[in-house]
N, C-alpha and C. Protein backbone atom coordinates (compact mmCIF):
# COMPACT_ATOMS: atom_id res chain seq x y z
N MET A 1 56.17 6.83 6.53
CA MET A 1 56.40 5.59 7.34
C MET A 1 55.10 4.35 7.08
N SER A 2 55.39 3.53 6.17
CA SER A 2 54.11 2.65 6.37
C SER A 2 54.06 1.66 7.42
N ARG A 3 52.47 1.44 7.79
CA ARG A 3 52.45 0.55 8.99
C ARG A 3 52.40 -0.83 8.80
N THR A 4 53.67 -1.44 9.81
CA THR A 4 53.73 -2.90 9.85
C THR A 4 52.31 -3.85 9.46
N PRO A 5 52.09 -5.21 9.27
CA PRO A 5 50.76 -5.92 9.30
C PRO A 5 50.45 -5.93 10.66
N ASP A 6 51.40 -6.08 11.93
CA ASP A 6 50.83 -6.27 13.37
C ASP A 6 50.18 -4.99 13.32
N ALA A 7 50.63 -3.50 13.25
CA ALA A 7 49.69 -2.23 13.53
C ALA A 7 48.57 -2.43 12.65
N ARG A 8 48.76 -2.76 11.48
CA ARG A 8 47.53 -2.59 10.79
C ARG A 8 46.01 -3.40 11.62
N ALA A 9 47.00 -4.98 11.72
CA ALA A 9 46.02 -5.92 12.45
C ALA A 9 45.25 -5.47 13.63
N ARG A 10 46.27 -4.78 14.75
CA ARG A 10 45.60 -3.65 15.72
C ARG A 10 44.97 -3.07 15.69
N ASP A 11 45.17 -1.92 14.51
CA ASP A 11 44.05 -0.94 14.27
C ASP A 11 42.88 -1.54 13.60
N SER A 12 42.83 -2.48 13.08
CA SER A 12 41.77 -3.33 12.76
C SER A 12 40.76 -3.91 14.03
N GLN A 13 41.77 -4.40 14.56
CA GLN A 13 41.04 -5.03 15.91
C GLN A 13 40.53 -4.07 16.78
N THR A 14 40.96 -2.78 16.91
CA THR A 14 40.67 -1.60 17.64
C THR A 14 39.36 -1.07 17.38
N ARG A 15 39.10 -1.28 15.98
CA ARG A 15 37.83 -0.46 15.13
C ARG A 15 36.55 -1.22 15.17
N LYS A 16 37.21 -2.68 15.46
CA LYS A 16 36.21 -3.87 15.17
C LYS A 16 35.71 -3.64 17.21
N ILE A 17 35.99 -3.73 17.68
CA ILE A 17 36.27 -3.18 19.26
C ILE A 17 35.03 -1.97 19.60
N GLN A 18 35.61 -1.11 18.87
CA GLN A 18 34.96 0.28 18.78
C GLN A 18 33.52 -0.09 18.18
N GLU A 19 33.60 -0.68 17.00
CA GLU A 19 32.05 -1.00 16.34
C GLU A 19 31.40 -1.88 17.51
N ASN A 20 31.93 -2.64 18.03
CA ASN A 20 31.16 -3.54 19.17
C ASN A 20 30.61 -2.74 20.29
N ILE A 21 31.50 -1.90 20.82
CA ILE A 21 30.88 -1.13 22.11
C ILE A 21 29.89 -0.15 21.52
N SER A 22 29.85 0.57 20.53
CA SER A 22 28.96 1.30 19.74
C SER A 22 27.66 0.42 19.78
N ASN A 23 27.78 -0.66 19.38
CA ASN A 23 26.46 -1.29 18.66
C ASN A 23 25.94 -1.57 20.11
N VAL A 24 26.81 -2.13 21.30
CA VAL A 24 26.06 -2.64 22.34
C VAL A 24 25.39 -1.54 22.99
N GLU A 25 26.36 -0.33 23.16
CA GLU A 25 25.69 1.05 23.60
C GLU A 25 24.49 0.99 22.85
N LYS A 26 24.06 1.28 21.92
CA LYS A 26 23.13 1.69 20.99
C LYS A 26 21.86 1.01 21.46
N HIS A 27 22.11 -0.54 21.17
CA HIS A 27 21.24 -1.43 21.14
C HIS A 27 20.53 -1.85 22.67
N PHE A 28 21.22 -2.00 23.60
CA PHE A 28 20.89 -2.18 24.76
C PHE A 28 20.30 -0.78 25.40
N GLY A 29 20.82 0.46 25.24
CA GLY A 29 20.18 1.42 25.27
C GLY A 29 18.92 1.64 25.03
N GLU A 30 18.65 1.33 23.65
CA GLU A 30 17.11 0.94 23.12
C GLU A 30 16.46 -0.16 23.89
N MET A 31 16.98 -1.15 23.91
CA MET A 31 16.16 -2.12 24.72
C MET A 31 15.61 -1.44 26.01
N CYS A 32 16.56 -1.01 26.98
CA CYS A 32 16.36 -0.57 28.10
C CYS A 32 15.31 0.74 28.22
N GLN A 33 15.47 1.39 27.13
CA GLN A 33 14.28 2.15 27.10
C GLN A 33 12.78 1.59 26.67
N LEU A 34 13.02 0.78 26.09
CA LEU A 34 11.76 0.06 25.57
C LEU A 34 10.93 -0.86 26.44
N PHE A 35 11.79 -1.85 27.28
CA PHE A 35 11.32 -2.13 28.48
C PHE A 35 10.75 -1.52 29.52
N ALA A 36 11.62 -0.53 29.71
CA ALA A 36 11.19 0.80 30.88
C ALA A 36 9.60 1.46 30.29
N LYS A 37 9.74 1.54 29.19
CA LYS A 37 8.35 2.03 28.61
C LYS A 37 7.22 1.05 28.96
N TYR A 38 7.45 -0.16 28.40
CA TYR A 38 6.75 -1.55 28.38
C TYR A 38 5.91 -1.52 29.86
N VAL A 39 6.95 -1.37 30.91
CA VAL A 39 6.59 -1.46 32.78
C VAL A 39 5.61 -0.22 32.87
N ARG A 40 6.40 1.05 32.42
CA ARG A 40 5.25 2.08 32.72
C ARG A 40 3.99 1.71 32.15
N THR A 41 4.01 1.66 30.94
CA THR A 41 2.41 1.20 30.38
C THR A 41 1.65 0.28 31.25
N THR A 42 2.53 -1.15 31.42
CA THR A 42 1.69 -1.94 32.52
C THR A 42 1.17 -1.44 33.87
N ALA A 43 2.05 -0.65 34.17
CA ALA A 43 1.82 -0.09 35.64
C ALA A 43 0.60 1.06 35.59
N LYS A 44 0.56 1.69 34.22
CA LYS A 44 -0.73 2.53 34.15
C LYS A 44 -1.90 1.47 34.05
N LEU A 45 -1.67 0.33 33.13
CA LEU A 45 -2.63 -0.21 33.46
C LEU A 45 -3.36 -0.90 34.58
N ARG A 46 -2.43 -1.20 35.40
CA ARG A 46 -2.80 -1.67 36.56
C ARG A 46 -3.55 -0.45 37.33
N ASP A 47 -2.97 0.62 37.39
CA ASP A 47 -3.44 1.62 37.88
C ASP A 47 -5.15 1.95 37.55
N LYS A 48 -5.17 1.85 36.28
CA LYS A 48 -6.50 2.01 35.69
C LYS A 48 -7.34 1.17 36.21
N ALA A 49 -6.92 -0.17 36.26
CA ALA A 49 -7.82 -1.50 36.99
C ALA A 49 -8.35 -1.10 38.28
N ASP A 50 -6.96 -0.52 38.94
CA ASP A 50 -7.16 -0.47 40.40
C ASP A 50 -8.49 0.55 40.55
N ASN A 51 -8.44 1.34 40.02
CA ASN A 51 -9.61 2.40 39.60
C ASN A 51 -11.26 1.99 39.67
N LEU A 52 -10.73 0.85 38.55
CA LEU A 52 -12.00 0.20 38.00
C LEU A 52 -12.61 -0.57 39.11
N VAL A 53 -11.69 -1.35 40.00
CA VAL A 53 -12.03 -1.85 41.13
C VAL A 53 -12.72 -1.25 42.34
N ARG A 54 -12.22 0.06 42.50
CA ARG A 54 -12.62 0.72 43.55
C ARG A 54 -14.08 1.09 42.91
N GLU A 55 -14.35 2.07 41.65
CA GLU A 55 -15.60 2.28 41.37
C GLU A 55 -16.55 0.81 41.13
N ILE A 56 -16.14 0.00 41.04
CA ILE A 56 -17.11 -1.27 41.04
C ILE A 56 -17.39 -1.28 42.65
N GLY A 57 -16.89 -1.26 43.58
CA GLY A 57 -17.12 -1.33 44.84
C GLY A 57 -17.88 -0.18 45.14
N VAL A 58 -17.47 1.00 45.04
CA VAL A 58 -18.61 2.08 44.97
C VAL A 58 -20.00 1.61 44.56
N TYR A 59 -20.20 1.23 43.21
CA TYR A 59 -21.20 0.63 42.88
C TYR A 59 -21.97 -0.19 43.54
N ALA A 60 -21.22 -1.16 44.30
CA ALA A 60 -21.80 -2.38 44.45
C ALA A 60 -22.59 -1.87 45.74
N ASP A 61 -22.24 -0.69 46.60
CA ASP A 61 -22.70 -0.33 47.56
C ASP A 61 -23.97 0.19 47.40
N THR A 62 -24.21 0.37 46.36
CA THR A 62 -25.43 1.18 46.27
C THR A 62 -26.72 0.03 45.61
N GLU A 63 -26.21 -1.08 45.32
CA GLU A 63 -27.43 -2.13 44.96
C GLU A 63 -27.72 -3.17 46.20
N THR A 64 -28.50 -3.98 45.76
CA THR A 64 -29.11 -4.78 46.72
C THR A 64 -28.08 -5.97 47.02
N PRO A 65 -28.52 -6.67 48.30
CA PRO A 65 -27.62 -7.52 48.53
C PRO A 65 -26.99 -8.57 47.68
N ASN A 66 -27.86 -9.27 46.93
CA ASN A 66 -27.32 -10.09 45.89
C ASN A 66 -26.32 -9.40 44.96
N LEU A 67 -26.78 -8.61 44.22
CA LEU A 67 -26.01 -7.98 43.25
C LEU A 67 -24.60 -7.48 43.82
N LYS A 68 -24.64 -6.89 45.11
CA LYS A 68 -23.63 -6.26 45.82
C LYS A 68 -22.53 -7.16 46.09
N ASN A 69 -23.17 -8.70 46.68
CA ASN A 69 -22.34 -9.64 46.60
C ASN A 69 -21.76 -10.15 45.21
N GLY A 70 -22.37 -10.10 44.24
CA GLY A 70 -21.54 -10.45 43.41
C GLY A 70 -20.80 -9.39 42.62
N MET A 71 -21.11 -8.29 42.52
CA MET A 71 -20.35 -7.11 42.25
C MET A 71 -18.91 -7.12 43.21
N ARG A 72 -19.08 -7.40 44.48
CA ARG A 72 -17.77 -7.58 45.29
C ARG A 72 -16.85 -8.72 44.85
N GLN A 73 -17.37 -9.70 44.57
CA GLN A 73 -16.97 -11.23 44.35
C GLN A 73 -15.91 -10.45 42.64
N PHE A 74 -16.59 -9.94 41.71
CA PHE A 74 -15.97 -9.62 40.58
C PHE A 74 -14.88 -8.61 40.88
N ALA A 75 -15.29 -7.20 41.44
CA ALA A 75 -14.02 -6.87 42.18
C ALA A 75 -12.89 -7.27 42.81
N ASP A 76 -13.05 -8.58 43.21
CA ASP A 76 -11.88 -9.12 43.77
C ASP A 76 -11.21 -9.87 43.14
N HIS A 77 -12.09 -10.65 42.09
CA HIS A 77 -11.54 -11.08 40.99
C HIS A 77 -10.26 -10.32 40.18
N LEU A 78 -10.70 -9.12 39.65
CA LEU A 78 -10.11 -7.95 39.14
C LEU A 78 -8.97 -7.55 39.70
N ALA A 79 -9.16 -7.37 41.52
CA ALA A 79 -8.06 -6.95 41.93
C ALA A 79 -6.56 -7.89 41.73
N THR A 80 -7.37 -8.86 41.85
CA THR A 80 -6.06 -10.29 42.26
C THR A 80 -5.58 -10.36 40.80
N ILE A 81 -6.07 -10.02 39.65
CA ILE A 81 -5.41 -10.21 38.43
C ILE A 81 -4.43 -8.84 38.33
N GLN A 82 -4.92 -7.69 38.97
CA GLN A 82 -4.23 -6.79 39.11
C GLN A 82 -2.70 -7.03 40.19
N ASP A 83 -2.74 -7.84 41.17
CA ASP A 83 -1.79 -8.29 41.83
C ASP A 83 -0.71 -9.02 41.01
N TYR A 84 -1.19 -9.76 40.03
CA TYR A 84 -0.53 -10.71 39.06
C TYR A 84 -0.09 -9.38 38.05
N ARG A 85 -0.44 -8.61 37.74
CA ARG A 85 0.16 -7.84 37.11
C ARG A 85 1.22 -6.79 37.56
N GLN A 86 1.10 -6.37 39.17
CA GLN A 86 2.04 -5.89 40.00
C GLN A 86 3.00 -6.54 39.99
N ALA A 87 3.16 -8.09 40.07
CA ALA A 87 4.15 -8.92 40.15
C ALA A 87 4.86 -8.94 38.93
N GLU A 88 4.29 -8.76 38.21
CA GLU A 88 4.99 -8.79 36.75
C GLU A 88 5.49 -7.40 36.14
N VAL A 89 5.31 -6.46 36.62
CA VAL A 89 5.90 -5.05 36.76
C VAL A 89 7.34 -5.18 37.79
N GLU A 90 7.06 -5.54 38.88
CA GLU A 90 8.22 -5.87 39.64
C GLU A 90 9.32 -6.90 39.11
N ARG A 91 8.81 -8.07 38.59
CA ARG A 91 9.71 -8.94 38.28
C ARG A 91 10.58 -8.54 36.90
N LEU A 92 9.90 -7.60 36.05
CA LEU A 92 10.39 -6.76 34.85
C LEU A 92 11.49 -6.14 35.16
N GLU A 93 11.26 -5.34 36.49
CA GLU A 93 12.23 -4.16 36.78
C GLU A 93 13.31 -4.79 37.48
N ALA A 94 12.86 -5.75 38.05
CA ALA A 94 14.08 -6.67 38.86
C ALA A 94 15.09 -7.41 37.96
N LYS A 95 14.37 -8.04 36.98
CA LYS A 95 15.19 -9.02 36.44
C LYS A 95 15.59 -8.74 35.06
N VAL A 96 14.90 -7.41 34.38
CA VAL A 96 15.32 -6.89 33.17
C VAL A 96 15.91 -5.89 33.13
N ILE A 97 15.40 -5.03 33.32
CA ILE A 97 15.42 -3.48 33.44
C ILE A 97 16.92 -3.09 34.32
N GLU A 98 16.79 -3.71 35.49
CA GLU A 98 18.09 -3.40 36.34
C GLU A 98 19.63 -3.89 35.42
N PRO A 99 19.38 -5.38 35.12
CA PRO A 99 20.64 -5.72 34.89
C PRO A 99 20.95 -5.12 33.12
N LEU A 100 19.80 -4.60 32.43
CA LEU A 100 20.64 -4.00 31.63
C LEU A 100 21.00 -2.59 31.60
N LYS A 101 20.67 -1.97 32.58
CA LYS A 101 20.84 -0.62 33.08
C LYS A 101 22.62 -0.84 33.42
N CYS A 102 22.51 -2.16 33.79
CA CYS A 102 24.28 -2.32 34.74
C CYS A 102 25.18 -2.13 33.14
N TYR A 103 24.58 -2.43 32.00
CA TYR A 103 25.55 -2.54 30.66
C TYR A 103 26.00 -1.05 30.25
N GLY A 104 25.17 0.09 30.92
CA GLY A 104 25.70 1.30 30.40
C GLY A 104 27.22 1.93 31.16
N SER A 105 27.25 1.30 32.48
CA SER A 105 28.61 1.15 33.22
C SER A 105 29.64 0.29 32.88
N VAL A 106 29.02 -0.87 32.23
CA VAL A 106 30.23 -1.52 31.52
C VAL A 106 30.53 -1.14 30.46
N VAL A 107 29.99 -0.57 29.22
CA VAL A 107 30.41 -0.16 28.28
C VAL A 107 31.51 0.84 28.26
N LYS A 108 30.60 1.96 29.22
CA LYS A 108 31.67 3.02 29.51
C LYS A 108 32.85 2.70 29.94
N ARG A 109 33.10 1.78 31.15
CA ARG A 109 34.47 1.23 31.32
C ARG A 109 35.23 0.53 30.12
N LYS A 110 34.27 0.05 29.69
CA LYS A 110 35.49 -0.73 28.12
C LYS A 110 35.85 0.47 26.93
N ARG A 111 34.97 1.16 26.98
CA ARG A 111 35.23 2.31 26.06
C ARG A 111 36.41 3.28 26.66
N GLU A 112 36.65 3.25 27.85
CA GLU A 112 37.75 4.07 28.45
C GLU A 112 38.96 3.05 28.61
N ASP A 113 38.86 1.78 28.54
CA ASP A 113 39.67 0.66 28.83
C ASP A 113 40.32 0.85 27.35
N LEU A 114 39.30 0.93 26.36
CA LEU A 114 40.07 0.73 25.02
C LEU A 114 40.63 2.24 24.41
N LYS A 115 40.25 3.26 25.29
CA LYS A 115 40.88 4.48 24.89
C LYS A 115 42.22 4.34 25.70
N ALA A 116 42.61 3.88 26.83
CA ALA A 116 43.74 4.06 27.58
C ALA A 116 44.72 2.82 26.73
N THR A 117 44.10 1.88 26.15
CA THR A 117 45.21 0.74 25.28
C THR A 117 45.35 1.76 24.25
N GLN A 118 44.46 2.47 23.59
CA GLN A 118 44.91 2.96 22.51
C GLN A 118 45.97 4.31 22.51
N SER A 119 45.65 4.86 23.86
CA SER A 119 46.76 5.59 24.23
C SER A 119 48.22 5.12 24.14
N ALA A 120 48.48 4.17 24.83
CA ALA A 120 49.52 3.28 25.01
C ALA A 120 50.19 3.18 23.88
N ARG A 121 49.36 2.65 22.77
CA ARG A 121 49.59 1.86 21.73
C ARG A 121 50.37 2.89 21.10
N ASP A 122 49.62 4.42 20.69
CA ASP A 122 50.16 5.90 20.23
C ASP A 122 51.45 6.11 20.84
N ARG A 123 51.49 5.86 22.33
CA ARG A 123 53.11 6.42 22.49
C ARG A 123 54.10 5.63 22.28
N GLU A 124 53.84 4.28 22.33
CA GLU A 124 55.05 3.24 22.04
C GLU A 124 55.19 3.41 20.47
N ALA A 125 54.11 4.04 19.27
CA ALA A 125 54.60 4.17 18.21
C ALA A 125 55.45 5.23 18.27
N LYS A 126 55.53 6.12 18.95
CA LYS A 126 55.92 7.59 18.80
C LYS A 126 57.56 7.28 19.29
N GLN A 127 57.41 6.58 20.35
CA GLN A 127 59.15 6.34 20.70
C GLN A 127 59.60 5.05 19.48
N MET A 128 59.00 4.54 19.19
CA MET A 128 59.62 3.50 17.90
C MET A 128 59.84 4.83 16.78
N ALA A 129 58.90 5.28 16.74
CA ALA A 129 59.53 6.12 15.47
C ALA A 129 60.66 7.14 15.62
N GLN A 130 60.89 7.57 16.84
CA GLN A 130 61.88 8.33 17.63
C GLN A 130 62.95 7.60 17.66
N LEU A 131 63.08 6.25 18.12
CA LEU A 131 64.24 5.61 17.76
C LEU A 131 64.79 5.12 16.75
N GLU A 132 63.67 5.12 15.61
CA GLU A 132 64.28 4.69 14.34
C GLU A 132 64.98 6.00 13.77
N ARG A 133 64.37 6.91 13.66
CA ARG A 133 64.81 8.35 13.47
C ARG A 133 66.57 8.33 13.70
N THR A 134 66.69 8.06 15.22
CA THR A 134 67.82 8.59 15.90
C THR A 134 69.13 7.20 15.47
N ARG A 135 68.34 6.00 15.19
CA ARG A 135 69.13 5.12 14.30
C ARG A 135 69.43 5.21 13.07
N GLN A 136 68.59 5.90 12.29
CA GLN A 136 68.96 6.58 11.16
C GLN A 136 70.03 7.45 11.16
N LYS A 137 70.04 8.29 12.28
CA LYS A 137 70.55 9.58 11.84
C LYS A 137 72.14 9.04 12.69
N ASN A 138 72.44 8.39 13.70
CA ASN A 138 73.92 7.59 13.83
C ASN A 138 73.69 6.11 13.92
N PRO A 139 73.77 5.43 13.04
CA PRO A 139 73.36 3.89 12.89
C PRO A 139 74.60 3.16 13.72
N SER A 140 75.82 3.83 13.61
CA SER A 140 76.87 3.25 14.49
C SER A 140 76.88 3.60 15.91
N ASP A 141 76.60 4.88 16.41
CA ASP A 141 76.62 5.07 17.74
C ASP A 141 75.55 4.44 18.52
N ARG A 142 76.02 3.17 19.25
CA ARG A 142 74.64 2.37 20.29
C ARG A 142 74.62 3.24 21.41
N GLN A 143 75.38 3.76 21.91
CA GLN A 143 75.31 4.59 23.10
C GLN A 143 73.82 5.62 22.86
N ILE A 144 73.83 6.25 21.78
CA ILE A 144 72.80 6.99 21.77
C ILE A 144 71.42 6.20 21.50
N ILE A 145 71.60 5.10 20.52
CA ILE A 145 70.50 4.62 20.46
C ILE A 145 69.69 3.95 21.74
N VAL A 146 70.45 3.26 22.71
CA VAL A 146 70.49 2.81 23.67
C VAL A 146 69.72 3.71 24.94
N SER A 147 70.28 4.73 25.05
CA SER A 147 69.77 5.82 25.91
C SER A 147 68.38 6.66 25.41
N SER A 148 68.04 6.49 24.17
CA SER A 148 66.85 6.79 23.60
C SER A 148 65.72 6.56 24.30
N PRO A 149 64.52 7.32 24.55
CA PRO A 149 63.63 7.16 25.21
C PRO A 149 62.77 5.77 24.49
């Protein structure tokens, strides 16, 4: 039995939706991973700079008062920069990574919706085929055709 133009259009539309879902799943997942990697790298850089600030403080304690004061100021400025880096890490996690992670559940839900819709279409097509077979066997017996599932 050949498929009707409507059925072909629905199949084409279903394939396009599946492609879109797969495309979003692939690319958003990759972006999420890359952003997470970027945030981890930035956090590691912040941690290393914090270690540098501590080491500058330790070194400053061994120097003369003038150099000690200058080194402490330098360490304070470097620590301030790291505060900004920490804020960047927190903003990226909250404003970029979390929203991207939400797409995982959205994509999963859309894939399930599409599967349920496709199952319903398949059931309907089977019922229509069965009705057509019944109608071809007994074209004049309307009672059987009407009672067909």
